[in-house]
Amino acid sequence: MFKKTPADPTALDLAIHDLYEALEEYKPTEDEYAKIADQLVKLENLRKDNSPDKISADTLAAIAGNIVGLGMILHFEKFGVVTTKALGFIRKL
């Protein structure tokens, strides 16, 4: 249900793959190996910069805490007949 479908490789991914294949043709002591490795580092950094940021665990914990707190307040208001403003307790992000 929540499985992530594999994305089609981008041109950047294909270029990185080609460089890895080119590295296999040379020995680590050769000059061409060093040039290809430098290009590979640059492309890997570019791919890292273009990747989307992930939501941190702290943010998810804050969101879950706000939802649980709101649920508790609403549950208490339903059975305890107290008129408060539950939305005022939610921390704004």
N, C-alpha and C. Protein backbone atom coordinates (compact mmCIF):
# COMPACT_ATOMS: atom_id res chain seq x y z
N MET A 1 0.81 -1.18 0.00
CA MET A 1 0.00 0.00 0.00
C MET A 1 0.86 1.26 0.00
N PHE A 2 1.90 1.29 0.83
CA PHE A 2 2.76 2.45 0.90
C PHE A 2 4.12 2.21 0.28
N LYS A 3 4.20 1.25 -0.61
CA LYS A 3 5.49 0.94 -1.24
C LYS A 3 5.84 2.04 -2.24
N LYS A 4 7.10 2.39 -2.22
CA LYS A 4 7.60 3.42 -3.12
C LYS A 4 7.98 2.77 -4.45
N THR A 5 7.43 3.30 -5.53
CA THR A 5 7.75 2.76 -6.84
C THR A 5 9.12 3.27 -7.27
N PRO A 6 9.92 2.43 -7.88
CA PRO A 6 11.24 2.89 -8.31
C PRO A 6 11.12 3.93 -9.42
N ALA A 7 11.86 4.99 -9.28
CA ALA A 7 11.83 6.07 -10.26
C ALA A 7 12.72 5.72 -11.45
N ASP A 8 12.36 6.28 -12.58
CA ASP A 8 13.19 6.09 -13.77
C ASP A 8 14.51 6.82 -13.54
N PRO A 9 15.62 6.24 -13.99
CA PRO A 9 16.91 6.91 -13.79
C PRO A 9 16.97 8.21 -14.59
N THR A 10 17.50 9.23 -13.95
CA THR A 10 17.66 10.52 -14.61
C THR A 10 18.95 10.53 -15.43
N ALA A 11 19.14 11.59 -16.17
CA ALA A 11 20.37 11.73 -16.96
C ALA A 11 21.58 11.78 -16.04
N LEU A 12 21.41 12.39 -14.87
CA LEU A 12 22.50 12.45 -13.90
C LEU A 12 22.85 11.06 -13.39
N ASP A 13 21.83 10.24 -13.09
CA ASP A 13 22.07 8.88 -12.64
C ASP A 13 22.79 8.06 -13.72
N LEU A 14 22.38 8.24 -14.95
CA LEU A 14 23.02 7.50 -16.05
C LEU A 14 24.48 7.93 -16.23
N ALA A 15 24.75 9.23 -16.08
CA ALA A 15 26.13 9.72 -16.21
C ALA A 15 27.00 9.15 -15.10
N ILE A 16 26.46 9.10 -13.88
CA ILE A 16 27.21 8.53 -12.76
C ILE A 16 27.47 7.05 -13.00
N HIS A 17 26.47 6.35 -13.50
CA HIS A 17 26.65 4.92 -13.80
C HIS A 17 27.73 4.71 -14.86
N ASP A 18 27.73 5.56 -15.87
CA ASP A 18 28.75 5.46 -16.93
C ASP A 18 30.15 5.70 -16.37
N LEU A 19 30.27 6.65 -15.45
CA LEU A 19 31.58 6.91 -14.85
C LEU A 19 32.06 5.74 -14.00
N TYR A 20 31.14 5.11 -13.29
CA TYR A 20 31.54 3.93 -12.52
C TYR A 20 32.04 2.81 -13.44
N GLU A 21 31.37 2.64 -14.57
CA GLU A 21 31.82 1.64 -15.53
C GLU A 21 33.18 2.01 -16.12
N ALA A 22 33.40 3.30 -16.37
CA ALA A 22 34.68 3.75 -16.93
C ALA A 22 35.82 3.55 -15.93
N LEU A 23 35.52 3.66 -14.64
CA LEU A 23 36.56 3.45 -13.63
C LEU A 23 37.12 2.04 -13.65
N GLU A 24 36.29 1.09 -14.04
CA GLU A 24 36.72 -0.32 -14.06
C GLU A 24 37.78 -0.58 -15.12
N GLU A 25 37.88 0.30 -16.11
CA GLU A 25 38.83 0.10 -17.20
C GLU A 25 40.25 0.55 -16.85
N TYR A 26 40.39 1.33 -15.78
CA TYR A 26 41.69 1.88 -15.43
C TYR A 26 42.15 1.37 -14.07
N LYS A 27 43.45 1.44 -13.87
CA LYS A 27 44.02 1.11 -12.57
C LYS A 27 44.04 2.37 -11.71
N PRO A 28 43.95 2.22 -10.40
CA PRO A 28 43.92 3.40 -9.53
C PRO A 28 45.16 4.28 -9.62
N THR A 29 46.25 3.78 -10.16
CA THR A 29 47.48 4.57 -10.25
C THR A 29 47.53 5.44 -11.50
N GLU A 30 46.62 5.25 -12.44
CA GLU A 30 46.64 6.00 -13.70
C GLU A 30 46.00 7.38 -13.54
N ASP A 31 46.45 8.32 -14.39
CA ASP A 31 45.92 9.69 -14.36
C ASP A 31 44.45 9.75 -14.76
N GLU A 32 44.05 8.94 -15.73
CA GLU A 32 42.65 8.93 -16.17
C GLU A 32 41.71 8.51 -15.04
N TYR A 33 42.17 7.61 -14.21
CA TYR A 33 41.37 7.15 -13.07
C TYR A 33 41.09 8.32 -12.13
N ALA A 34 42.09 9.13 -11.88
CA ALA A 34 41.94 10.29 -11.00
C ALA A 34 40.98 11.32 -11.59
N LYS A 35 41.05 11.54 -12.90
CA LYS A 35 40.15 12.49 -13.56
C LYS A 35 38.71 12.01 -13.49
N ILE A 36 38.51 10.74 -13.75
CA ILE A 36 37.15 10.18 -13.70
C ILE A 36 36.62 10.23 -12.27
N ALA A 37 37.47 9.92 -11.31
CA ALA A 37 37.05 9.96 -9.91
C ALA A 37 36.66 11.37 -9.49
N ASP A 38 37.39 12.38 -9.97
CA ASP A 38 37.03 13.77 -9.66
C ASP A 38 35.66 14.13 -10.25
N GLN A 39 35.43 13.72 -11.48
CA GLN A 39 34.13 13.97 -12.10
C GLN A 39 33.01 13.25 -11.35
N LEU A 40 33.31 12.05 -10.90
CA LEU A 40 32.33 11.26 -10.16
C LEU A 40 31.96 11.93 -8.84
N VAL A 41 32.95 12.48 -8.16
CA VAL A 41 32.69 13.19 -6.89
C VAL A 41 31.81 14.42 -7.15
N LYS A 42 32.09 15.15 -8.22
CA LYS A 42 31.30 16.33 -8.55
C LYS A 42 29.84 15.96 -8.85
N LEU A 43 29.65 14.89 -9.62
CA LEU A 43 28.29 14.48 -9.96
C LEU A 43 27.54 13.93 -8.75
N GLU A 44 28.23 13.21 -7.88
CA GLU A 44 27.59 12.70 -6.66
C GLU A 44 27.16 13.86 -5.76
N ASN A 45 27.98 14.89 -5.64
CA ASN A 45 27.61 16.07 -4.86
C ASN A 45 26.41 16.78 -5.47
N LEU A 46 26.37 16.84 -6.80
CA LEU A 46 25.25 17.46 -7.49
C LEU A 46 23.97 16.68 -7.24
N ARG A 47 24.05 15.37 -7.27
CA ARG A 47 22.87 14.54 -7.01
C ARG A 47 22.41 14.72 -5.57
N LYS A 48 23.35 14.82 -4.64
CA LYS A 48 23.00 15.00 -3.23
C LYS A 48 22.31 16.35 -3.02
N ASP A 49 22.77 17.39 -3.72
CA ASP A 49 22.17 18.72 -3.59
C ASP A 49 20.76 18.78 -4.18
N ASN A 50 20.50 17.96 -5.19
CA ASN A 50 19.19 17.98 -5.86
C ASN A 50 18.17 17.07 -5.19
N SER A 51 18.57 16.25 -4.25
CA SER A 51 17.62 15.34 -3.62
C SER A 51 16.74 16.11 -2.64
N PRO A 52 15.46 15.73 -2.56
CA PRO A 52 14.56 16.45 -1.64
C PRO A 52 14.92 16.16 -0.18
N ASP A 53 14.70 17.17 0.66
CA ASP A 53 14.97 17.01 2.08
C ASP A 53 13.89 16.14 2.71
N LYS A 54 14.29 15.34 3.67
CA LYS A 54 13.35 14.47 4.36
C LYS A 54 12.90 15.14 5.65
N ILE A 55 11.71 14.77 6.10
CA ILE A 55 11.18 15.32 7.35
C ILE A 55 11.90 14.66 8.51
N SER A 56 12.35 15.48 9.45
CA SER A 56 13.10 14.95 10.58
C SER A 56 12.16 14.28 11.57
N ALA A 57 12.74 13.42 12.40
CA ALA A 57 11.96 12.71 13.41
C ALA A 57 11.41 13.68 14.45
N ASP A 58 12.14 14.77 14.73
CA ASP A 58 11.65 15.76 15.69
C ASP A 58 10.37 16.43 15.20
N THR A 59 10.32 16.73 13.92
CA THR A 59 9.13 17.35 13.35
C THR A 59 7.94 16.39 13.41
N LEU A 60 8.18 15.13 13.06
CA LEU A 60 7.11 14.14 13.12
C LEU A 60 6.61 13.95 14.55
N ALA A 61 7.52 13.97 15.52
CA ALA A 61 7.12 13.83 16.92
C ALA A 61 6.29 15.03 17.37
N ALA A 62 6.64 16.23 16.94
CA ALA A 62 5.88 17.42 17.30
C ALA A 62 4.47 17.38 16.70
N ILE A 63 4.38 16.93 15.47
CA ILE A 63 3.08 16.82 14.82
C ILE A 63 2.22 15.79 15.53
N ALA A 64 2.79 14.64 15.83
CA ALA A 64 2.04 13.59 16.52
C ALA A 64 1.60 14.06 17.90
N GLY A 65 2.46 14.77 18.61
CA GLY A 65 2.11 15.29 19.92
C GLY A 65 0.96 16.28 19.86
N ASN A 66 0.98 17.14 18.85
CA ASN A 66 -0.11 18.11 18.68
C ASN A 66 -1.43 17.41 18.39
N ILE A 67 -1.40 16.39 17.55
CA ILE A 67 -2.62 15.66 17.21
C ILE A 67 -3.16 14.92 18.43
N VAL A 68 -2.28 14.26 19.18
CA VAL A 68 -2.71 13.55 20.38
C VAL A 68 -3.27 14.52 21.40
N GLY A 69 -2.63 15.65 21.60
CA GLY A 69 -3.12 16.66 22.53
C GLY A 69 -4.49 17.19 22.14
N LEU A 70 -4.67 17.46 20.87
CA LEU A 70 -5.96 17.93 20.38
C LEU A 70 -7.04 16.88 20.59
N GLY A 71 -6.69 15.62 20.31
CA GLY A 71 -7.64 14.54 20.53
C GLY A 71 -8.03 14.40 21.99
N MET A 72 -7.07 14.56 22.88
CA MET A 72 -7.37 14.47 24.31
C MET A 72 -8.29 15.61 24.75
N ILE A 73 -8.03 16.80 24.27
CA ILE A 73 -8.86 17.95 24.64
C ILE A 73 -10.28 17.77 24.11
N LEU A 74 -10.39 17.36 22.85
CA LEU A 74 -11.71 17.17 22.28
C LEU A 74 -12.47 16.04 22.99
N HIS A 75 -11.77 14.99 23.35
CA HIS A 75 -12.41 13.88 24.08
C HIS A 75 -12.90 14.37 25.44
N PHE A 76 -12.10 15.16 26.13
CA PHE A 76 -12.50 15.68 27.44
C PHE A 76 -13.69 16.64 27.31
N GLU A 77 -13.67 17.47 26.26
CA GLU A 77 -14.78 18.40 26.06
C GLU A 77 -16.08 17.67 25.76
N LYS A 78 -15.97 16.54 25.07
CA LYS A 78 -17.18 15.78 24.72
C LYS A 78 -17.81 15.18 25.98
N PHE A 79 -17.01 14.65 26.87
CA PHE A 79 -17.54 13.98 28.04
C PHE A 79 -17.50 14.86 29.29
N GLY A 80 -16.70 15.87 29.36
CA GLY A 80 -16.58 16.69 30.55
C GLY A 80 -17.34 18.00 30.46
N VAL A 81 -17.90 18.32 29.32
CA VAL A 81 -18.68 19.52 29.07
C VAL A 81 -17.95 20.76 29.58
N VAL A 82 -16.77 20.97 29.04
CA VAL A 82 -16.00 22.17 29.34
C VAL A 82 -15.86 22.91 28.02
N THR A 83 -16.08 24.19 28.06
CA THR A 83 -16.00 24.96 26.82
C THR A 83 -14.66 25.68 26.75
N THR A 84 -13.71 25.06 26.12
CA THR A 84 -12.41 25.68 25.88
C THR A 84 -12.18 25.75 24.39
N LYS A 85 -11.17 26.44 24.05
CA LYS A 85 -10.81 26.51 22.63
C LYS A 85 -9.61 25.59 22.42
N ALA A 86 -9.88 24.41 21.93
CA ALA A 86 -8.83 23.40 21.76
C ALA A 86 -7.81 23.83 20.72
N LEU A 87 -8.23 24.59 19.75
CA LEU A 87 -7.29 24.98 18.69
C LEU A 87 -6.24 25.96 19.20
N GLY A 88 -6.49 26.63 20.29
CA GLY A 88 -5.50 27.55 20.86
C GLY A 88 -4.30 26.85 21.45
N PHE A 89 -4.45 25.56 21.77
CA PHE A 89 -3.35 24.80 22.35
C PHE A 89 -2.41 24.21 21.32
N ILE A 90 -2.78 24.24 20.08
CA ILE A 90 -1.95 23.66 19.02
C ILE A 90 -0.82 24.63 18.69
N ARG A 91 0.38 24.11 18.69
CA ARG A 91 1.54 24.90 18.38
C ARG A 91 1.58 25.17 16.89
N LYS A 92 1.79 26.39 16.50
CA LYS A 92 1.85 26.73 15.08
C LYS A 92 3.23 26.39 14.54
N LEU A 93 3.25 25.77 13.37
CA LEU A 93 4.52 25.37 12.76
C LEU A 93 5.01 26.42 11.83
